[in-house]
Amino acid sequence: MEQAAGLEKGGEQTELLLDLYLKNSDWDEASALAHRVFEADPKNFGPIQKVVESLLQSGNGQKAMEILEKSRLSMIDAGEHEVVAKLLNELSASMPGSVEPLEWLVELYGRTSDSFHIADALAHLGDALVADQQYERAKKTFEQLVDRDPESDSAKRKLNHVLRKMGLLEGGEAEDFPEENLRAEIPQPPAAKLPGDEEEPAPGIPAKPAFTPSEPALDEETQKFIAQSLTDVDLFASYGLTQKAIGLLEAILRRAPRHTPTLEKLLDFVLGAGRRPAHR
């Protein structure tokens, strides 16, 4: 099969050979064949996508990143923006803290003028750079974030945090804070009043869904965690990463078991994905 003519044109023989390579974890051969097809026809990105997805499923994120590094720009130029975004989001999720996939996402959204997603990508990139102690680059990233949305308190906090780390801003020591997604800054809805609910609930006993002042068991950090996580759930869902979204919803419920909006959203995902949740 390897000696067959016209493998670079794709087709049944190419697909069968590629599947054999992937089944036997012959990643180098699979990658070479996929690139051969892609170089012959930049619009035929199917083999590249299949190899990258197989690598990510096998936990070989580094090899997947090497392939995407060589092919992502050509795929973008060919108009495969959604495919590249999906692969890069899966890559960044499989390699937490890795800077390169987040840089590529920022570049992608900049090239495609995707203002809806670029703010999130900048926020996550800046957080990764801070964790990697690349403060100068983090500063420039958060400055871009502030330039895009000067009214965002979240973006300003992130930038000020880096400036304090660099000794460029007075007003106390830089405090470590959990990663905050920019769009996690969701307005808190007012507390709903139930009929006959005149007395304050007993301390420590959740009486209403999260994000309401009448639930003292949820501190500010937990509320921020839930808001950020629900934003990430929507982002995963927008790229078809249903199982990742379900896993994140279950993580929220482990921290806040009675959070009604999360329970409802999890039920919707489970019914749509046909999966039984691990959390009861």
C-alpha atoms as a PDB file:
ATOM      1  CA  MET A   1       0.000   0.000   0.000  1.00  0.00           C
ATOM      2  CA  GLU A   2       2.862   2.393   0.746  1.00  0.00           C
ATOM      3  CA  GLN A   3       4.092   1.913  -2.830  1.00  0.00           C
ATOM      4  CA  ALA A   4       0.699   2.668  -4.367  1.00  0.00           C
ATOM      5  CA  ALA A   5       0.646   5.557  -6.825  1.00  0.00           C
ATOM      6  CA  GLY A   6      -1.231   8.774  -6.124  1.00  0.00           C
ATOM      7  CA  LEU A   7      -1.457   8.489  -2.336  1.00  0.00           C
ATOM      8  CA  GLU A   8      -1.045  12.262  -2.109  1.00  0.00           C
ATOM      9  CA  LYS A   9      -4.379  12.659  -3.909  1.00  0.00           C
ATOM     10  CA  GLY A  10      -6.264  11.091  -1.016  1.00  0.00           C
ATOM     11  CA  GLY A  11      -8.977   8.558  -1.603  1.00  0.00           C
ATOM     12  CA  GLU A  12      -9.737   5.096  -0.300  1.00  0.00           C
ATOM     13  CA  GLN A  13      -6.169   3.726  -0.349  1.00  0.00           C
ATOM     14  CA  THR A  14      -4.805   6.768   1.449  1.00  0.00           C
ATOM     15  CA  GLU A  15      -7.511   6.635   4.118  1.00  0.00           C
ATOM     16  CA  LEU A  16      -6.955   2.925   4.705  1.00  0.00           C
ATOM     17  CA  LEU A  17      -3.186   3.313   5.014  1.00  0.00           C
ATOM     18  CA  LEU A  18      -3.607   6.282   7.348  1.00  0.00           C
ATOM     19  CA  ASP A  19      -6.027   4.315   9.540  1.00  0.00           C
ATOM     20  CA  LEU A  20      -3.510   1.455   9.764  1.00  0.00           C
ATOM     21  CA  TYR A  21      -0.769   3.857  10.829  1.00  0.00           C
ATOM     22  CA  LEU A  22      -3.001   5.375  13.500  1.00  0.00           C
ATOM     23  CA  LYS A  23      -4.213   1.997  14.734  1.00  0.00           C
ATOM     24  CA  ASN A  24      -0.606   0.910  15.252  1.00  0.00           C
ATOM     25  CA  SER A  25       0.441   4.294  16.721  1.00  0.00           C
ATOM     26  CA  ASP A  26       2.878   4.863  13.839  1.00  0.00           C
ATOM     27  CA  TRP A  27       2.667   8.604  14.408  1.00  0.00           C
ATOM     28  CA  ASP A  28       5.625   9.641  12.225  1.00  0.00           C
ATOM     29  CA  GLU A  29       4.345   7.693   9.220  1.00  0.00           C
ATOM     30  CA  ALA A  30       0.799   8.975   9.743  1.00  0.00           C
ATOM     31  CA  SER A  31       2.041  12.549  10.040  1.00  0.00           C
ATOM     32  CA  ALA A  32       4.185  12.247   6.907  1.00  0.00           C
ATOM     33  CA  LEU A  33       1.298  10.844   4.880  1.00  0.00           C
ATOM     34  CA  ALA A  34      -1.127  13.511   6.119  1.00  0.00           C
ATOM     35  CA  HIS A  35       1.349  16.285   5.251  1.00  0.00           C
ATOM     36  CA  ARG A  36       1.921  14.726   1.838  1.00  0.00           C
ATOM     37  CA  VAL A  37      -1.801  14.936   1.115  1.00  0.00           C
ATOM     38  CA  PHE A  38      -2.081  18.438   2.540  1.00  0.00           C
ATOM     39  CA  GLU A  39       0.871  19.784   0.536  1.00  0.00           C
ATOM     40  CA  ALA A  40      -0.645  18.396  -2.666  1.00  0.00           C
ATOM     41  CA  ASP A  41      -3.979  20.063  -1.899  1.00  0.00           C
ATOM     42  CA  PRO A  42      -4.180  22.595   0.994  1.00  0.00           C
ATOM     43  CA  LYS A  43      -7.959  22.190   0.983  1.00  0.00           C
ATOM     44  CA  ASN A  44      -7.652  18.499   1.826  1.00  0.00           C
ATOM     45  CA  PHE A  45      -7.053  18.955   5.558  1.00  0.00           C
ATOM     46  CA  GLY A  46      -8.979  15.833   6.603  1.00  0.00           C
ATOM     47  CA  PRO A  47      -5.917  13.575   7.155  1.00  0.00           C
ATOM     48  CA  ILE A  48      -4.127  16.286   9.164  1.00  0.00           C
ATOM     49  CA  GLN A  49      -7.193  16.753  11.358  1.00  0.00           C
ATOM     50  CA  LYS A  50      -7.577  13.000  11.877  1.00  0.00           C
ATOM     51  CA  VAL A  51      -3.915  12.588  12.907  1.00  0.00           C
ATOM     52  CA  VAL A  52      -4.036  15.512  15.356  1.00  0.00           C
ATOM     53  CA  GLU A  53      -7.285  14.292  16.937  1.00  0.00           C
ATOM     54  CA  SER A  54      -5.852  10.764  17.304  1.00  0.00           C
ATOM     55  CA  LEU A  55      -2.712  12.146  18.952  1.00  0.00           C
ATOM     56  CA  LEU A  56      -4.751  14.221  21.391  1.00  0.00           C
ATOM     57  CA  GLN A  57      -6.930  11.223  22.268  1.00  0.00           C
ATOM     58  CA  SER A  58      -3.798   9.172  22.934  1.00  0.00           C
ATOM     59  CA  GLY A  59      -2.394  11.885  25.224  1.00  0.00           C
ATOM     60  CA  ASN A  60       0.416  12.814  22.826  1.00  0.00           C
ATOM     61  CA  GLY A  61      -0.154  16.554  22.890  1.00  0.00           C
ATOM     62  CA  GLN A  62       3.453  17.433  22.091  1.00  0.00           C
ATOM     63  CA  LYS A  63       3.394  15.580  18.769  1.00  0.00           C
ATOM     64  CA  ALA A  64      -0.001  17.087  17.932  1.00  0.00           C
ATOM     65  CA  MET A  65       1.439  20.542  18.614  1.00  0.00           C
ATOM     66  CA  GLU A  66       4.371  19.884  16.263  1.00  0.00           C
ATOM     67  CA  ILE A  67       1.983  18.984  13.442  1.00  0.00           C
ATOM     68  CA  LEU A  68      -0.240  21.995  14.028  1.00  0.00           C
ATOM     69  CA  GLU A  69       2.782  24.287  14.163  1.00  0.00           C
ATOM     70  CA  LYS A  70       3.591  23.314  10.565  1.00  0.00           C
ATOM     71  CA  SER A  71       0.058  23.231   9.171  1.00  0.00           C
ATOM     72  CA  ARG A  72      -2.129  25.719  11.052  1.00  0.00           C
ATOM     73  CA  LEU A  73      -1.263  28.812   8.974  1.00  0.00           C
ATOM     74  CA  SER A  74      -1.913  27.023   5.694  1.00  0.00           C
ATOM     75  CA  MET A  75      -5.203  25.721   7.098  1.00  0.00           C
ATOM     76  CA  ILE A  76      -6.164  29.249   8.157  1.00  0.00           C
ATOM     77  CA  ASP A  77      -5.262  30.616   4.723  1.00  0.00           C
ATOM     78  CA  ALA A  78      -7.424  27.874   3.207  1.00  0.00           C
ATOM     79  CA  GLY A  79     -10.369  29.188   5.263  1.00  0.00           C
ATOM     80  CA  GLU A  80     -10.519  26.349   7.790  1.00  0.00           C
ATOM     81  CA  HIS A  81     -10.861  28.714  10.741  1.00  0.00           C
ATOM     82  CA  GLU A  82     -13.339  26.678  12.770  1.00  0.00           C
ATOM     83  CA  VAL A  83     -11.336  23.466  12.347  1.00  0.00           C
ATOM     84  CA  VAL A  84      -8.126  25.164  13.513  1.00  0.00           C
ATOM     85  CA  ALA A  85      -9.907  26.800  16.458  1.00  0.00           C
ATOM     86  CA  LYS A  86     -11.393  23.460  17.526  1.00  0.00           C
ATOM     87  CA  LEU A  87      -8.014  21.685  17.350  1.00  0.00           C
ATOM     88  CA  LEU A  88      -6.192  24.473  19.192  1.00  0.00           C
ATOM     89  CA  ASN A  89      -8.803  24.569  21.953  1.00  0.00           C
ATOM     90  CA  GLU A  90      -8.487  20.791  22.385  1.00  0.00           C
ATOM     91  CA  LEU A  91      -4.686  21.110  22.356  1.00  0.00           C
ATOM     92  CA  SER A  92      -4.647  23.839  25.015  1.00  0.00           C
ATOM     93  CA  ALA A  93      -7.053  21.795  27.163  1.00  0.00           C
ATOM     94  CA  SER A  94      -4.786  18.736  26.890  1.00  0.00           C
ATOM     95  CA  MET A  95      -1.647  20.754  27.759  1.00  0.00           C
ATOM     96  CA  PRO A  96      -2.612  23.016  30.695  1.00  0.00           C
ATOM     97  CA  GLY A  97      -0.157  25.857  31.178  1.00  0.00           C
ATOM     98  CA  SER A  98       1.381  25.509  27.721  1.00  0.00           C
ATOM     99  CA  VAL A  99       1.820  28.943  26.157  1.00  0.00           C
ATOM    100  CA  GLU A 100       2.116  28.083  22.443  1.00  0.00           C
ATOM    101  CA  PRO A 101      -1.459  26.853  21.783  1.00  0.00           C
ATOM    102  CA  LEU A 102      -2.840  29.958  23.502  1.00  0.00           C
ATOM    103  CA  GLU A 103      -0.559  32.196  21.416  1.00  0.00           C
ATOM    104  CA  TRP A 104      -1.817  30.493  18.268  1.00  0.00           C
ATOM    105  CA  LEU A 105      -5.420  31.008  19.346  1.00  0.00           C
ATOM    106  CA  VAL A 106      -4.788  34.735  19.831  1.00  0.00           C
ATOM    107  CA  GLU A 107      -3.135  34.856  16.417  1.00  0.00           C
ATOM    108  CA  LEU A 108      -6.036  32.975  14.821  1.00  0.00           C
ATOM    109  CA  TYR A 109      -8.708  35.228  16.313  1.00  0.00           C
ATOM    110  CA  GLY A 110      -6.668  38.286  15.332  1.00  0.00           C
ATOM    111  CA  ARG A 111      -6.356  37.092  11.736  1.00  0.00           C
ATOM    112  CA  THR A 112     -10.071  36.354  11.518  1.00  0.00           C
ATOM    113  CA  SER A 113     -11.131  39.508  13.433  1.00  0.00           C
ATOM    114  CA  ASP A 114     -13.015  37.351  15.922  1.00  0.00           C
ATOM    115  CA  SER A 115     -13.595  39.938  18.634  1.00  0.00           C
ATOM    116  CA  PHE A 116     -15.954  37.584  20.497  1.00  0.00           C
ATOM    117  CA  HIS A 117     -13.256  35.006  21.301  1.00  0.00           C
ATOM    118  CA  ILE A 118     -10.026  36.998  21.239  1.00  0.00           C
ATOM    119  CA  ALA A 119     -10.629  38.576  24.659  1.00  0.00           C
ATOM    120  CA  ASP A 120     -10.887  35.132  26.255  1.00  0.00           C
ATOM    121  CA  ALA A 121      -7.792  33.958  24.396  1.00  0.00           C
ATOM    122  CA  LEU A 122      -5.807  37.009  25.543  1.00  0.00           C
ATOM    123  CA  ALA A 123      -6.925  36.503  29.147  1.00  0.00           C
ATOM    124  CA  HIS A 124      -5.913  32.830  29.170  1.00  0.00           C
ATOM    125  CA  LEU A 125      -2.606  33.594  27.420  1.00  0.00           C
ATOM    126  CA  GLY A 126      -1.790  36.292  29.947  1.00  0.00           C
ATOM    127  CA  ASP A 127      -2.553  33.942  32.842  1.00  0.00           C
ATOM    128  CA  ALA A 128      -0.303  31.255  31.325  1.00  0.00           C
ATOM    129  CA  LEU A 129       2.519  33.769  30.868  1.00  0.00           C
ATOM    130  CA  VAL A 130       2.186  34.894  34.491  1.00  0.00           C
ATOM    131  CA  ALA A 131       2.303  31.273  35.664  1.00  0.00           C
ATOM    132  CA  ASP A 132       5.444  30.827  33.544  1.00  0.00           C
ATOM    133  CA  GLN A 133       6.890  34.028  35.079  1.00  0.00           C
ATOM    134  CA  GLN A 134       7.102  35.720  31.673  1.00  0.00           C
ATOM    135  CA  TYR A 135       5.954  39.002  33.162  1.00  0.00           C
ATOM    136  CA  GLU A 136       7.005  41.337  30.348  1.00  0.00           C
ATOM    137  CA  ARG A 137       5.028  39.367  27.769  1.00  0.00           C
ATOM    138  CA  ALA A 138       2.119  39.027  30.202  1.00  0.00           C
ATOM    139  CA  LYS A 139       2.149  42.805  30.669  1.00  0.00           C
ATOM    140  CA  LYS A 140       1.885  43.390  26.908  1.00  0.00           C
ATOM    141  CA  THR A 141      -0.890  40.806  26.632  1.00  0.00           C
ATOM    142  CA  PHE A 142      -2.986  42.354  29.399  1.00  0.00           C
ATOM    143  CA  GLU A 143      -2.362  45.829  27.952  1.00  0.00           C
ATOM    144  CA  GLN A 144      -3.964  44.589  24.721  1.00  0.00           C
ATOM    145  CA  LEU A 145      -6.847  43.300  26.819  1.00  0.00           C
ATOM    146  CA  VAL A 146      -7.336  46.679  28.509  1.00  0.00           C
ATOM    147  CA  ASP A 147      -7.082  48.491  25.156  1.00  0.00           C
ATOM    148  CA  ARG A 148      -9.890  46.314  23.809  1.00  0.00           C
ATOM    149  CA  ASP A 149     -12.146  46.924  26.798  1.00  0.00           C
ATOM    150  CA  PRO A 150     -11.049  49.911  28.926  1.00  0.00           C
ATOM    151  CA  GLU A 151     -14.096  49.499  31.180  1.00  0.00           C
ATOM    152  CA  SER A 152     -13.281  45.913  32.178  1.00  0.00           C
ATOM    153  CA  ASP A 153     -12.306  45.659  35.855  1.00  0.00           C
ATOM    154  CA  SER A 154     -11.112  42.106  35.274  1.00  0.00           C
ATOM    155  CA  ALA A 155      -8.604  43.176  32.618  1.00  0.00           C
ATOM    156  CA  LYS A 156      -7.355  46.029  34.808  1.00  0.00           C
ATOM    157  CA  ARG A 157      -6.898  43.696  37.798  1.00  0.00           C
ATOM    158  CA  LYS A 158      -4.871  41.290  35.704  1.00  0.00           C
ATOM    159  CA  LEU A 159      -2.645  44.076  34.375  1.00  0.00           C
ATOM    160  CA  ASN A 160      -2.157  45.630  37.823  1.00  0.00           C
ATOM    161  CA  HIS A 161      -1.284  42.226  39.242  1.00  0.00           C
ATOM    162  CA  VAL A 162       1.542  41.879  36.697  1.00  0.00           C
ATOM    163  CA  LEU A 163       2.725  45.445  37.227  1.00  0.00           C
ATOM    164  CA  ARG A 164       3.031  44.767  40.958  1.00  0.00           C
ATOM    165  CA  LYS A 165       4.918  41.559  40.234  1.00  0.00           C
ATOM    166  CA  MET A 166       7.350  43.612  38.127  1.00  0.00           C
ATOM    167  CA  GLY A 167       7.645  46.320  40.784  1.00  0.00           C
ATOM    168  CA  LEU A 168       6.145  48.914  38.438  1.00  0.00           C
ATOM    169  CA  LEU A 169       3.084  49.673  40.529  1.00  0.00           C
ATOM    170  CA  GLU A 170       2.880  50.606  44.183  1.00  0.00           C
ATOM    171  CA  GLY A 171       0.026  49.808  46.505  1.00  0.00           C
ATOM    172  CA  GLY A 172       0.857  46.531  48.194  1.00  0.00           C
ATOM    173  CA  GLU A 173       2.381  43.247  47.253  1.00  0.00           C
ATOM    174  CA  ALA A 174       1.117  41.272  44.293  1.00  0.00           C
ATOM    175  CA  GLU A 175      -1.261  38.619  45.520  1.00  0.00           C
ATOM    176  CA  ASP A 176      -1.697  35.331  43.772  1.00  0.00           C
ATOM    177  CA  PHE A 177      -5.215  34.849  42.451  1.00  0.00           C
ATOM    178  CA  PRO A 178      -6.926  32.044  40.609  1.00  0.00           C
ATOM    179  CA  GLU A 179      -7.127  32.292  36.825  1.00  0.00           C
ATOM    180  CA  GLU A 180     -10.119  34.436  35.858  1.00  0.00           C
ATOM    181  CA  ASN A 181     -11.701  34.274  32.435  1.00  0.00           C
ATOM    182  CA  LEU A 182     -12.463  37.784  31.206  1.00  0.00           C
ATOM    183  CA  ARG A 183     -16.055  36.915  30.340  1.00  0.00           C
ATOM    184  CA  ALA A 184     -16.471  35.407  33.785  1.00  0.00           C
ATOM    185  CA  GLU A 185     -17.300  38.904  34.988  1.00  0.00           C
ATOM    186  CA  ILE A 186     -21.046  38.238  34.804  1.00  0.00           C
ATOM    187  CA  PRO A 187     -23.470  40.575  36.608  1.00  0.00           C
ATOM    188  CA  GLN A 188     -24.997  39.025  39.704  1.00  0.00           C
ATOM    189  CA  PRO A 189     -28.787  38.691  39.477  1.00  0.00           C
ATOM    190  CA  PRO A 190     -30.805  40.096  42.397  1.00  0.00           C
ATOM    191  CA  ALA A 191     -31.899  37.668  45.076  1.00  0.00           C
ATOM    192  CA  ALA A 192     -35.313  36.195  44.355  1.00  0.00           C
ATOM    193  CA  LYS A 193     -37.833  36.385  47.196  1.00  0.00           C
ATOM    194  CA  LEU A 194     -40.036  33.377  47.690  1.00  0.00           C
ATOM    195  CA  PRO A 195     -43.577  33.797  49.019  1.00  0.00           C
ATOM    196  CA  GLY A 196     -43.602  33.677  52.811  1.00  0.00           C
ATOM    197  CA  ASP A 197     -39.814  33.878  52.947  1.00  0.00           C
ATOM    198  CA  GLU A 198     -39.464  36.551  55.599  1.00  0.00           C
ATOM    199  CA  GLU A 199     -36.811  35.033  57.793  1.00  0.00           C
ATOM    200  CA  GLU A 200     -33.125  34.824  57.001  1.00  0.00           C
ATOM    201  CA  PRO A 201     -31.896  31.261  56.295  1.00  0.00           C
ATOM    202  CA  ALA A 202     -29.820  29.581  58.965  1.00  0.00           C
ATOM    203  CA  PRO A 203     -26.066  30.259  58.553  1.00  0.00           C
ATOM    204  CA  GLY A 204     -24.317  27.704  56.379  1.00  0.00           C
ATOM    205  CA  ILE A 205     -27.530  26.192  54.940  1.00  0.00           C
ATOM    206  CA  PRO A 206     -27.963  26.935  51.207  1.00  0.00           C
ATOM    207  CA  ALA A 207     -31.509  28.183  50.619  1.00  0.00           C
ATOM    208  CA  LYS A 208     -31.257  29.482  47.032  1.00  0.00           C
ATOM    209  CA  PRO A 209     -29.195  28.945  43.868  1.00  0.00           C
ATOM    210  CA  ALA A 210     -25.648  30.302  43.699  1.00  0.00           C
ATOM    211  CA  PHE A 211     -24.981  33.979  43.035  1.00  0.00           C
ATOM    212  CA  THR A 212     -27.674  35.181  45.500  1.00  0.00           C
ATOM    213  CA  PRO A 213     -26.804  37.037  48.718  1.00  0.00           C
ATOM    214  CA  SER A 214     -29.123  34.763  50.728  1.00  0.00           C
ATOM    215  CA  GLU A 215     -26.766  31.784  50.331  1.00  0.00           C
ATOM    216  CA  PRO A 216     -23.933  32.410  52.808  1.00  0.00           C
ATOM    217  CA  ALA A 217     -22.339  29.032  52.090  1.00  0.00           C
ATOM    218  CA  LEU A 218     -21.017  30.317  48.744  1.00  0.00           C
ATOM    219  CA  ASP A 219     -18.077  32.642  49.291  1.00  0.00           C
ATOM    220  CA  GLU A 220     -16.816  35.110  46.699  1.00  0.00           C
ATOM    221  CA  GLU A 221     -14.093  32.770  45.446  1.00  0.00           C
ATOM    222  CA  THR A 222     -16.639  29.995  44.797  1.00  0.00           C
ATOM    223  CA  GLN A 223     -18.938  32.394  42.965  1.00  0.00           C
ATOM    224  CA  LYS A 224     -16.062  33.496  40.738  1.00  0.00           C
ATOM    225  CA  PHE A 225     -15.110  29.864  40.125  1.00  0.00           C
ATOM    226  CA  ILE A 226     -18.668  29.015  39.068  1.00  0.00           C
ATOM    227  CA  ALA A 227     -18.984  32.084  36.832  1.00  0.00           C
ATOM    228  CA  GLN A 228     -15.652  31.374  35.106  1.00  0.00           C
ATOM    229  CA  SER A 229     -16.447  27.693  34.715  1.00  0.00           C
ATOM    230  CA  LEU A 230     -19.879  28.339  33.192  1.00  0.00           C
ATOM    231  CA  THR A 231     -18.238  30.685  30.703  1.00  0.00           C
ATOM    232  CA  ASP A 232     -15.743  27.952  29.776  1.00  0.00           C
ATOM    233  CA  VAL A 233     -18.631  25.499  29.440  1.00  0.00           C
ATOM    234  CA  ASP A 234     -20.241  27.760  26.847  1.00  0.00           C
ATOM    235  CA  LEU A 235     -16.905  28.111  25.053  1.00  0.00           C
ATOM    236  CA  PHE A 236     -16.399  24.320  24.945  1.00  0.00           C
ATOM    237  CA  ALA A 237     -19.954  23.879  23.713  1.00  0.00           C
ATOM    238  CA  SER A 238     -19.446  26.412  20.917  1.00  0.00           C
ATOM    239  CA  TYR A 239     -16.642  24.209  19.560  1.00  0.00           C
ATOM    240  CA  GLY A 240     -18.532  20.944  19.964  1.00  0.00           C
ATOM    241  CA  LEU A 241     -16.448  19.767  22.969  1.00  0.00           C
ATOM    242  CA  THR A 242     -19.504  18.371  24.740  1.00  0.00           C
ATOM    243  CA  GLN A 243     -17.718  15.874  26.984  1.00  0.00           C
ATOM    244  CA  LYS A 244     -15.308  18.545  28.246  1.00  0.00           C
ATOM    245  CA  ALA A 245     -18.289  20.793  28.979  1.00  0.00           C
ATOM    246  CA  ILE A 246     -20.027  18.004  30.907  1.00  0.00           C
ATOM    247  CA  GLY A 247     -16.862  17.271  32.898  1.00  0.00           C
ATOM    248  CA  LEU A 248     -16.562  20.931  33.876  1.00  0.00           C
ATOM    249  CA  LEU A 249     -20.229  21.093  34.928  1.00  0.00           C
ATOM    250  CA  GLU A 250     -19.689  18.068  37.147  1.00  0.00           C
ATOM    251  CA  ALA A 251     -16.659  19.804  38.678  1.00  0.00           C
ATOM    252  CA  ILE A 252     -18.879  22.794  39.537  1.00  0.00           C
ATOM    253  CA  LEU A 253     -21.422  20.518  41.205  1.00  0.00           C
ATOM    254  CA  ARG A 254     -18.739  18.844  43.302  1.00  0.00           C
ATOM    255  CA  ARG A 255     -17.969  22.287  44.695  1.00  0.00           C
ATOM    256  CA  ALA A 256     -21.546  23.601  44.824  1.00  0.00           C
ATOM    257  CA  PRO A 257     -23.914  20.567  44.718  1.00  0.00           C
ATOM    258  CA  ARG A 258     -27.125  22.618  44.904  1.00  0.00           C
ATOM    259  CA  HIS A 259     -26.377  25.164  42.202  1.00  0.00           C
ATOM    260  CA  THR A 260     -29.614  24.959  40.237  1.00  0.00           C
ATOM    261  CA  PRO A 261     -28.453  26.668  36.982  1.00  0.00           C
ATOM    262  CA  THR A 262     -25.576  24.205  36.715  1.00  0.00           C
ATOM    263  CA  LEU A 263     -27.865  21.238  37.400  1.00  0.00           C
ATOM    264  CA  GLU A 264     -30.216  22.404  34.656  1.00  0.00           C
ATOM    265  CA  LYS A 265     -27.391  22.976  32.180  1.00  0.00           C
ATOM    266  CA  LEU A 266     -25.835  19.593  32.984  1.00  0.00           C
ATOM    267  CA  LEU A 267     -29.180  17.898  32.400  1.00  0.00           C
ATOM    268  CA  ASP A 268     -29.470  19.590  29.006  1.00  0.00           C
ATOM    269  CA  PHE A 269     -25.969  18.445  28.023  1.00  0.00           C
ATOM    270  CA  VAL A 270     -26.530  14.909  29.271  1.00  0.00           C
ATOM    271  CA  LEU A 271     -29.801  14.565  27.378  1.00  0.00           C
ATOM    272  CA  GLY A 272     -28.124  15.901  24.269  1.00  0.00           C
ATOM    273  CA  ALA A 273     -24.977  13.771  24.593  1.00  0.00           C
ATOM    274  CA  GLY A 274     -26.682  10.617  25.837  1.00  0.00           C
ATOM    275  CA  ARG A 275     -24.368  10.375  28.812  1.00  0.00           C
ATOM    276  CA  ARG A 276     -25.199   9.674  32.443  1.00  0.00           C
ATOM    277  CA  PRO A 277     -23.518  12.174  34.777  1.00  0.00           C
ATOM    278  CA  ALA A 278     -21.062  10.922  37.362  1.00  0.00           C
ATOM    279  CA  HIS A 279     -22.468  13.364  39.924  1.00  0.00           C
ATOM    280  CA  ARG A 280     -25.787  12.594  41.571  1.00  0.00           C
END
